[in-house]
Amino acid sequence: MSARAVANEFAKMRHLRMGLIASVMVVIVTGLSVAGAATSPAFAVPSGRSWEALLGGMSLAVPLASPLLLAVLASRQVDIEHQGNGWLLSQTSGVTPGGLCRIKLLAVGIVVAVVTILESVLVLVAGLLLGVPDRVPAGLWAGYTASVLVANLVVLALHVLLSARIDNQLVGLGIGVLGTIVAVFATALPPAMAHLTPWGYYALVAAAGYQGTQLVALTPAYGSIAALGAVAAVLFVIVTGRFDRREA
């Protein structure tokens, strides 16, 4: 995987205006997270402001915005190869179809990592500006951010594969819409069912939620998200390897 090939993917991103989509993702998640917390009755008074409210807002905003926008990012980055016969051109330069998928995941994954971290930092800064009196739960905040990043990368990898194998990008976008629905309603599912799809893990890693009428901090399912990341990485390598053999 050469640096030149990765740099080429970033050049394509500029042409595809991927930065705009990434910016929309940051604005939506940050805006919904802060607005959800700031408009709650408890947040109206300084003593009622809590980091749990902001973490709870993020735990709702991320699954609402991320699945579809990740599908859009993957679709745009891959569809350009379908339109311009890029798969064949890459093979002539020594990059196999599976290798190109891996390069695309790395390049777009870097963007998604920056977006995910930026969302988290912006919500944290908003909490400081809004005068949340308690100490920042740094460990929980970092753990939640890392967990969301893993879930985002897994969903992104899935859509890279879908976009690569299916020319009609509406299929991947439709699955992105369904993924959003699953992610939003996964909080109401038993944990065993939430484990069945990548989108269900957004609920499993939630850092705050209601127990009865009380908003409390939650411990993300670190073991589950780590297992998801490991399994997804192995499957991605296997599937992209099959792409190479099939095209050969």
C-alpha atoms as a PDB file:
ATOM      1  CA  MET A   1       0.000   0.000   0.000  1.00  0.00           C
ATOM      2  CA  SER A   2       2.009   2.953  -1.303  1.00  0.00           C
ATOM      3  CA  ALA A   3       1.873   6.495  -0.005  1.00  0.00           C
ATOM      4  CA  ARG A   4       1.314   7.646  -3.577  1.00  0.00           C
ATOM      5  CA  ALA A   5      -1.860   5.562  -3.866  1.00  0.00           C
ATOM      6  CA  VAL A   6      -3.223   6.984  -0.603  1.00  0.00           C
ATOM      7  CA  ALA A   7      -2.331  10.508  -1.721  1.00  0.00           C
ATOM      8  CA  ASN A   8      -4.189   9.830  -4.962  1.00  0.00           C
ATOM      9  CA  GLU A   9      -7.312   8.998  -2.966  1.00  0.00           C
ATOM     10  CA  PHE A  10      -7.061  12.311  -1.110  1.00  0.00           C
ATOM     11  CA  ALA A  11      -6.771  14.067  -4.473  1.00  0.00           C
ATOM     12  CA  LYS A  12      -9.996  12.365  -5.546  1.00  0.00           C
ATOM     13  CA  MET A  13     -11.638  13.551  -2.326  1.00  0.00           C
ATOM     14  CA  ARG A  14     -10.933  17.163  -3.220  1.00  0.00           C
ATOM     15  CA  HIS A  15     -12.567  16.648  -6.599  1.00  0.00           C
ATOM     16  CA  LEU A  16     -15.551  14.915  -4.996  1.00  0.00           C
ATOM     17  CA  ARG A  17     -15.909  17.576  -2.283  1.00  0.00           C
ATOM     18  CA  MET A  18     -15.766  14.975   0.439  1.00  0.00           C
ATOM     19  CA  GLY A  19     -14.735  17.670   2.886  1.00  0.00           C
ATOM     20  CA  LEU A  20     -18.190  19.211   2.589  1.00  0.00           C
ATOM     21  CA  ILE A  21     -19.873  15.936   3.519  1.00  0.00           C
ATOM     22  CA  ALA A  22     -17.491  15.468   6.431  1.00  0.00           C
ATOM     23  CA  SER A  23     -18.224  19.007   7.607  1.00  0.00           C
ATOM     24  CA  VAL A  24     -21.965  18.355   7.448  1.00  0.00           C
ATOM     25  CA  MET A  25     -21.428  15.282   9.611  1.00  0.00           C
ATOM     26  CA  VAL A  26     -19.549  17.338  12.216  1.00  0.00           C
ATOM     27  CA  VAL A  27     -22.167  20.103  12.237  1.00  0.00           C
ATOM     28  CA  ILE A  28     -25.125  17.730  12.552  1.00  0.00           C
ATOM     29  CA  VAL A  29     -23.668  15.586  15.332  1.00  0.00           C
ATOM     30  CA  THR A  30     -22.296  18.537  17.298  1.00  0.00           C
ATOM     31  CA  GLY A  31     -25.422  20.620  16.825  1.00  0.00           C
ATOM     32  CA  LEU A  32     -27.831  17.862  17.805  1.00  0.00           C
ATOM     33  CA  SER A  33     -25.700  16.853  20.784  1.00  0.00           C
ATOM     34  CA  VAL A  34     -25.479  20.368  22.218  1.00  0.00           C
ATOM     35  CA  ALA A  35     -29.047  21.336  21.323  1.00  0.00           C
ATOM     36  CA  GLY A  36     -30.447  18.176  22.885  1.00  0.00           C
ATOM     37  CA  ALA A  37     -28.671  18.894  26.148  1.00  0.00           C
ATOM     38  CA  ALA A  38     -29.116  22.673  26.223  1.00  0.00           C
ATOM     39  CA  THR A  39     -32.860  22.540  25.610  1.00  0.00           C
ATOM     40  CA  SER A  40     -33.560  20.095  28.435  1.00  0.00           C
ATOM     41  CA  PRO A  41     -35.317  21.603  31.475  1.00  0.00           C
ATOM     42  CA  ALA A  42     -32.540  20.495  33.852  1.00  0.00           C
ATOM     43  CA  PHE A  43     -29.917  22.299  31.787  1.00  0.00           C
ATOM     44  CA  ALA A  44     -31.723  25.626  32.203  1.00  0.00           C
ATOM     45  CA  VAL A  45     -30.133  26.200  35.606  1.00  0.00           C
ATOM     46  CA  PRO A  46     -26.354  26.018  36.198  1.00  0.00           C
ATOM     47  CA  SER A  47     -26.692  23.407  38.936  1.00  0.00           C
ATOM     48  CA  GLY A  48     -28.587  21.109  36.584  1.00  0.00           C
ATOM     49  CA  ARG A  49     -25.970  21.106  33.858  1.00  0.00           C
ATOM     50  CA  SER A  50     -24.115  17.827  33.576  1.00  0.00           C
ATOM     51  CA  TRP A  51     -21.714  16.019  31.295  1.00  0.00           C
ATOM     52  CA  GLU A  52     -24.172  13.127  31.233  1.00  0.00           C
ATOM     53  CA  ALA A  53     -26.610  15.348  29.328  1.00  0.00           C
ATOM     54  CA  LEU A  54     -24.006  16.081  26.655  1.00  0.00           C
ATOM     55  CA  LEU A  55     -22.862  12.466  26.478  1.00  0.00           C
ATOM     56  CA  GLY A  56     -26.488  11.410  26.203  1.00  0.00           C
ATOM     57  CA  GLY A  57     -26.988  13.936  23.406  1.00  0.00           C
ATOM     58  CA  MET A  58     -24.018  12.528  21.516  1.00  0.00           C
ATOM     59  CA  SER A  59     -25.215   8.984  22.105  1.00  0.00           C
ATOM     60  CA  LEU A  60     -28.418   9.931  20.260  1.00  0.00           C
ATOM     61  CA  ALA A  61     -26.940  12.250  17.617  1.00  0.00           C
ATOM     62  CA  VAL A  62     -24.188   9.924  16.389  1.00  0.00           C
ATOM     63  CA  PRO A  63     -26.471   7.020  15.376  1.00  0.00           C
ATOM     64  CA  LEU A  64     -28.933   9.488  13.876  1.00  0.00           C
ATOM     65  CA  ALA A  65     -26.389  11.130  11.537  1.00  0.00           C
ATOM     66  CA  SER A  66     -23.440   8.787  11.048  1.00  0.00           C
ATOM     67  CA  PRO A  67     -24.802   5.691   9.244  1.00  0.00           C
ATOM     68  CA  LEU A  68     -26.207   7.509   6.215  1.00  0.00           C
ATOM     69  CA  LEU A  69     -23.356  10.015   5.904  1.00  0.00           C
ATOM     70  CA  LEU A  70     -20.787   7.216   6.131  1.00  0.00           C
ATOM     71  CA  ALA A  71     -22.640   5.471   3.318  1.00  0.00           C
ATOM     72  CA  VAL A  72     -22.437   8.673   1.260  1.00  0.00           C
ATOM     73  CA  LEU A  73     -18.704   9.037   1.902  1.00  0.00           C
ATOM     74  CA  ALA A  74     -17.992   5.453   0.861  1.00  0.00           C
ATOM     75  CA  SER A  75     -20.289   5.625  -2.151  1.00  0.00           C
ATOM     76  CA  ARG A  76     -18.735   8.781  -3.580  1.00  0.00           C
ATOM     77  CA  GLN A  77     -15.177   7.551  -3.061  1.00  0.00           C
ATOM     78  CA  VAL A  78     -15.854   4.197  -4.736  1.00  0.00           C
ATOM     79  CA  ASP A  79     -18.356   5.166  -7.427  1.00  0.00           C
ATOM     80  CA  ILE A  80     -15.743   7.229  -9.253  1.00  0.00           C
ATOM     81  CA  GLU A  81     -13.987   3.943 -10.121  1.00  0.00           C
ATOM     82  CA  HIS A  82     -17.177   2.528 -11.637  1.00  0.00           C
ATOM     83  CA  GLN A  83     -17.759   5.663 -13.698  1.00  0.00           C
ATOM     84  CA  GLY A  84     -14.239   6.075 -15.034  1.00  0.00           C
ATOM     85  CA  ASN A  85     -13.177   2.419 -15.358  1.00  0.00           C
ATOM     86  CA  GLY A  86     -10.820   3.099 -12.479  1.00  0.00           C
ATOM     87  CA  TRP A  87     -10.583  -0.540 -11.430  1.00  0.00           C
ATOM     88  CA  LEU A  88      -8.853  -1.457 -14.694  1.00  0.00           C
ATOM     89  CA  LEU A  89      -6.640   1.618 -14.650  1.00  0.00           C
ATOM     90  CA  SER A  90      -5.522   0.791 -11.117  1.00  0.00           C
ATOM     91  CA  GLN A  91      -4.674  -2.767 -12.128  1.00  0.00           C
ATOM     92  CA  THR A  92      -2.444  -1.496 -14.928  1.00  0.00           C
ATOM     93  CA  SER A  93      -0.515   0.476 -12.309  1.00  0.00           C
ATOM     94  CA  GLY A  94      -0.176  -2.575 -10.059  1.00  0.00           C
ATOM     95  CA  VAL A  95      -3.031  -1.929  -7.613  1.00  0.00           C
ATOM     96  CA  THR A  96      -5.534  -4.778  -7.466  1.00  0.00           C
ATOM     97  CA  PRO A  97      -9.276  -4.177  -6.869  1.00  0.00           C
ATOM     98  CA  GLY A  98      -9.000  -5.510  -3.334  1.00  0.00           C
ATOM     99  CA  GLY A  99      -5.904  -3.433  -2.720  1.00  0.00           C
ATOM    100  CA  LEU A 100      -7.710  -0.345  -3.991  1.00  0.00           C
ATOM    101  CA  CYS A 101     -10.567  -1.029  -1.563  1.00  0.00           C
ATOM    102  CA  ARG A 102      -8.074  -1.251   1.292  1.00  0.00           C
ATOM    103  CA  ILE A 103      -6.456   2.015   0.218  1.00  0.00           C
ATOM    104  CA  LYS A 104      -9.845   3.706   0.034  1.00  0.00           C
ATOM    105  CA  LEU A 105     -10.751   2.503   3.513  1.00  0.00           C
ATOM    106  CA  LEU A 106      -7.478   3.851   4.867  1.00  0.00           C
ATOM    107  CA  ALA A 107      -7.886   7.238   3.199  1.00  0.00           C
ATOM    108  CA  VAL A 108     -11.548   7.779   4.034  1.00  0.00           C
ATOM    109  CA  GLY A 109     -10.973   6.208   7.441  1.00  0.00           C
ATOM    110  CA  ILE A 110      -8.489   8.963   8.253  1.00  0.00           C
ATOM    111  CA  VAL A 111     -11.160  11.534   7.414  1.00  0.00           C
ATOM    112  CA  VAL A 112     -13.730   9.700   9.536  1.00  0.00           C
ATOM    113  CA  ALA A 113     -11.287   9.516  12.443  1.00  0.00           C
ATOM    114  CA  VAL A 114     -10.720  13.279  12.287  1.00  0.00           C
ATOM    115  CA  VAL A 115     -14.461  13.906  12.064  1.00  0.00           C
ATOM    116  CA  THR A 116     -15.252  11.630  15.005  1.00  0.00           C
ATOM    117  CA  ILE A 117     -12.603  13.171  17.241  1.00  0.00           C
ATOM    118  CA  LEU A 118     -13.583  16.699  16.196  1.00  0.00           C
ATOM    119  CA  GLU A 119     -17.231  16.061  17.027  1.00  0.00           C
ATOM    120  CA  SER A 120     -16.276  14.851  20.484  1.00  0.00           C
ATOM    121  CA  VAL A 121     -13.930  17.764  21.133  1.00  0.00           C
ATOM    122  CA  LEU A 122     -16.477  20.343  19.993  1.00  0.00           C
ATOM    123  CA  VAL A 123     -19.172  18.944  22.282  1.00  0.00           C
ATOM    124  CA  LEU A 124     -16.667  18.935  25.144  1.00  0.00           C
ATOM    125  CA  VAL A 125     -15.740  22.573  24.451  1.00  0.00           C
ATOM    126  CA  ALA A 126     -19.427  23.470  24.283  1.00  0.00           C
ATOM    127  CA  GLY A 127     -19.909  21.955  27.721  1.00  0.00           C
ATOM    128  CA  LEU A 128     -17.080  24.054  29.103  1.00  0.00           C
ATOM    129  CA  LEU A 129     -18.510  27.195  27.510  1.00  0.00           C
ATOM    130  CA  LEU A 130     -21.966  26.409  28.871  1.00  0.00           C
ATOM    131  CA  GLY A 131     -20.498  26.196  32.352  1.00  0.00           C
ATOM    132  CA  VAL A 132     -21.006  22.555  33.290  1.00  0.00           C
ATOM    133  CA  PRO A 133     -19.760  22.656  36.889  1.00  0.00           C
ATOM    134  CA  ASP A 134     -18.543  19.083  37.315  1.00  0.00           C
ATOM    135  CA  ARG A 135     -15.135  17.748  36.360  1.00  0.00           C
ATOM    136  CA  VAL A 136     -14.924  16.382  32.838  1.00  0.00           C
ATOM    137  CA  PRO A 137     -15.220  12.565  32.881  1.00  0.00           C
ATOM    138  CA  ALA A 138     -12.115  12.282  30.719  1.00  0.00           C
ATOM    139  CA  GLY A 139     -11.843   8.492  30.796  1.00  0.00           C
ATOM    140  CA  LEU A 140     -15.474   7.917  29.862  1.00  0.00           C
ATOM    141  CA  TRP A 141     -15.332  10.631  27.222  1.00  0.00           C
ATOM    142  CA  ALA A 142     -12.226   9.183  25.590  1.00  0.00           C
ATOM    143  CA  GLY A 143     -13.587   5.645  25.808  1.00  0.00           C
ATOM    144  CA  TYR A 144     -16.851   6.644  24.185  1.00  0.00           C
ATOM    145  CA  THR A 145     -15.063   8.535  21.414  1.00  0.00           C
ATOM    146  CA  ALA A 146     -12.816   5.552  20.674  1.00  0.00           C
ATOM    147  CA  SER A 147     -15.806   3.200  20.680  1.00  0.00           C
ATOM    148  CA  VAL A 148     -17.754   5.390  18.261  1.00  0.00           C
ATOM    149  CA  LEU A 149     -14.694   5.578  16.020  1.00  0.00           C
ATOM    150  CA  VAL A 150     -14.502   1.791  15.830  1.00  0.00           C
ATOM    151  CA  ALA A 151     -18.226   1.562  15.019  1.00  0.00           C
ATOM    152  CA  ASN A 152     -17.880   4.267  12.360  1.00  0.00           C
ATOM    153  CA  LEU A 153     -14.922   2.541  10.713  1.00  0.00           C
ATOM    154  CA  VAL A 154     -16.713  -0.811  10.675  1.00  0.00           C
ATOM    155  CA  VAL A 155     -19.779   0.721   9.032  1.00  0.00           C
ATOM    156  CA  LEU A 156     -17.529   2.563   6.580  1.00  0.00           C
ATOM    157  CA  ALA A 157     -15.716  -0.675   5.678  1.00  0.00           C
ATOM    158  CA  LEU A 158     -19.058  -2.387   5.028  1.00  0.00           C
ATOM    159  CA  HIS A 159     -20.133   0.372   2.662  1.00  0.00           C
ATOM    160  CA  VAL A 160     -16.805   0.376   0.832  1.00  0.00           C
ATOM    161  CA  LEU A 161     -17.347  -3.310   0.071  1.00  0.00           C
ATOM    162  CA  LEU A 162     -20.978  -2.777  -0.938  1.00  0.00           C
ATOM    163  CA  SER A 163     -20.099   0.145  -3.192  1.00  0.00           C
ATOM    164  CA  ALA A 164     -17.263  -1.811  -4.796  1.00  0.00           C
ATOM    165  CA  ARG A 165     -19.347  -4.867  -5.644  1.00  0.00           C
ATOM    166  CA  ILE A 166     -22.639  -3.170  -6.562  1.00  0.00           C
ATOM    167  CA  ASP A 167     -22.532  -0.588  -9.348  1.00  0.00           C
ATOM    168  CA  ASN A 168     -25.886   0.942  -8.379  1.00  0.00           C
ATOM    169  CA  GLN A 169     -24.950   3.178  -5.470  1.00  0.00           C
ATOM    170  CA  LEU A 170     -28.605   3.619  -4.489  1.00  0.00           C
ATOM    171  CA  VAL A 171     -28.394   0.146  -2.956  1.00  0.00           C
ATOM    172  CA  GLY A 172     -25.665   1.190  -0.533  1.00  0.00           C
ATOM    173  CA  LEU A 173     -27.429   4.439   0.282  1.00  0.00           C
ATOM    174  CA  GLY A 174     -30.658   2.542   0.923  1.00  0.00           C
ATOM    175  CA  ILE A 175     -28.812   0.258   3.313  1.00  0.00           C
ATOM    176  CA  GLY A 176     -27.427   3.397   4.963  1.00  0.00           C
ATOM    177  CA  VAL A 177     -30.982   4.615   5.563  1.00  0.00           C
ATOM    178  CA  LEU A 178     -31.962   1.243   7.016  1.00  0.00           C
ATOM    179  CA  GLY A 179     -28.819   1.345   9.147  1.00  0.00           C
ATOM    180  CA  THR A 180     -29.883   4.694  10.555  1.00  0.00           C
ATOM    181  CA  ILE A 181     -33.249   3.253  11.547  1.00  0.00           C
ATOM    182  CA  VAL A 182     -31.599   0.251  13.197  1.00  0.00           C
ATOM    183  CA  ALA A 183     -29.071   2.444  15.016  1.00  0.00           C
ATOM    184  CA  VAL A 184     -31.733   4.809  16.356  1.00  0.00           C
ATOM    185  CA  PHE A 185     -34.044   2.078  17.597  1.00  0.00           C
ATOM    186  CA  ALA A 186     -31.304  -0.289  18.821  1.00  0.00           C
ATOM    187  CA  THR A 187     -31.481   1.298  22.277  1.00  0.00           C
ATOM    188  CA  ALA A 188     -34.893  -0.308  22.652  1.00  0.00           C
ATOM    189  CA  LEU A 189     -33.596  -3.741  21.657  1.00  0.00           C
ATOM    190  CA  PRO A 190     -32.168  -6.367  24.012  1.00  0.00           C
ATOM    191  CA  PRO A 191     -28.346  -6.262  23.950  1.00  0.00           C
ATOM    192  CA  ALA A 192     -28.199  -9.670  22.293  1.00  0.00           C
ATOM    193  CA  MET A 193     -30.154  -8.354  19.310  1.00  0.00           C
ATOM    194  CA  ALA A 194     -28.150  -5.134  19.151  1.00  0.00           C
ATOM    195  CA  HIS A 195     -25.041  -7.283  18.645  1.00  0.00           C
ATOM    196  CA  LEU A 196     -26.445  -8.718  15.402  1.00  0.00           C
ATOM    197  CA  THR A 197     -25.756  -5.701  13.161  1.00  0.00           C
ATOM    198  CA  PRO A 198     -22.903  -3.161  13.019  1.00  0.00           C
ATOM    199  CA  TRP A 199     -25.398  -0.342  13.575  1.00  0.00           C
ATOM    200  CA  GLY A 200     -26.623  -1.873  16.812  1.00  0.00           C
ATOM    201  CA  TYR A 201     -23.232  -1.202  18.376  1.00  0.00           C
ATOM    202  CA  TYR A 202     -23.966   2.530  18.473  1.00  0.00           C
ATOM    203  CA  ALA A 203     -26.470   1.710  21.212  1.00  0.00           C
ATOM    204  CA  LEU A 204     -24.103  -0.682  22.968  1.00  0.00           C
ATOM    205  CA  VAL A 205     -21.412   1.994  23.352  1.00  0.00           C
ATOM    206  CA  ALA A 206     -23.750   4.759  24.567  1.00  0.00           C
ATOM    207  CA  ALA A 207     -22.070   6.720  27.370  1.00  0.00           C
ATOM    208  CA  ALA A 208     -25.231   8.053  29.014  1.00  0.00           C
ATOM    209  CA  GLY A 209     -28.920   7.247  29.035  1.00  0.00           C
ATOM    210  CA  TYR A 210     -32.060   7.188  31.086  1.00  0.00           C
ATOM    211  CA  GLN A 211     -32.737   4.621  33.754  1.00  0.00           C
ATOM    212  CA  GLY A 212     -36.328   5.326  34.549  1.00  0.00           C
ATOM    213  CA  THR A 213     -36.505   9.122  34.706  1.00  0.00           C
ATOM    214  CA  GLN A 214     -32.897   9.569  35.806  1.00  0.00           C
ATOM    215  CA  LEU A 215     -30.146  10.406  33.321  1.00  0.00           C
ATOM    216  CA  VAL A 216     -27.039   8.459  34.298  1.00  0.00           C
ATOM    217  CA  ALA A 217     -23.596   7.711  32.905  1.00  0.00           C
ATOM    218  CA  LEU A 218     -23.224   4.311  31.252  1.00  0.00           C
ATOM    219  CA  THR A 219     -20.178   2.177  30.605  1.00  0.00           C
ATOM    220  CA  PRO A 220     -19.783   1.453  26.884  1.00  0.00           C
ATOM    221  CA  ALA A 221     -19.526  -2.196  25.917  1.00  0.00           C
ATOM    222  CA  TYR A 222     -15.777  -2.029  25.315  1.00  0.00           C
ATOM    223  CA  GLY A 223     -15.362  -5.781  24.941  1.00  0.00           C
ATOM    224  CA  SER A 224     -18.113  -5.997  22.342  1.00  0.00           C
ATOM    225  CA  ILE A 225     -16.835  -3.085  20.267  1.00  0.00           C
ATOM    226  CA  ALA A 226     -13.277  -4.451  20.385  1.00  0.00           C
ATOM    227  CA  ALA A 227     -14.529  -7.833  19.179  1.00  0.00           C
ATOM    228  CA  LEU A 228     -16.517  -6.139  16.416  1.00  0.00           C
ATOM    229  CA  GLY A 229     -13.455  -4.236  15.248  1.00  0.00           C
ATOM    230  CA  ALA A 230     -11.272  -7.336  15.220  1.00  0.00           C
ATOM    231  CA  VAL A 231     -13.808  -9.485  13.378  1.00  0.00           C
ATOM    232  CA  ALA A 232     -14.550  -6.718  10.869  1.00  0.00           C
ATOM    233  CA  ALA A 233     -10.845  -6.202  10.153  1.00  0.00           C
ATOM    234  CA  VAL A 234     -10.323  -9.911   9.458  1.00  0.00           C
ATOM    235  CA  LEU A 235     -13.431 -10.138   7.269  1.00  0.00           C
ATOM    236  CA  PHE A 236     -12.461  -7.024   5.316  1.00  0.00           C
ATOM    237  CA  VAL A 237      -9.046  -8.487   4.516  1.00  0.00           C
ATOM    238  CA  ILE A 238     -10.596 -11.814   3.506  1.00  0.00           C
ATOM    239  CA  VAL A 239     -13.287 -10.268   1.297  1.00  0.00           C
ATOM    240  CA  THR A 240     -10.920  -7.852  -0.440  1.00  0.00           C
ATOM    241  CA  GLY A 241      -8.546 -10.774  -0.979  1.00  0.00           C
ATOM    242  CA  ARG A 242     -11.374 -12.597  -2.738  1.00  0.00           C
ATOM    243  CA  PHE A 243     -11.874  -9.505  -4.894  1.00  0.00           C
ATOM    244  CA  ASP A 244      -8.269  -9.904  -6.081  1.00  0.00           C
ATOM    245  CA  ARG A 245      -8.668 -13.590  -6.901  1.00  0.00           C
ATOM    246  CA  ARG A 246     -11.971 -13.057  -8.668  1.00  0.00           C
ATOM    247  CA  GLU A 247     -10.560 -10.289 -10.829  1.00  0.00           C
ATOM    248  CA  ALA A 248      -7.456 -12.301 -11.529  1.00  0.00           C
END
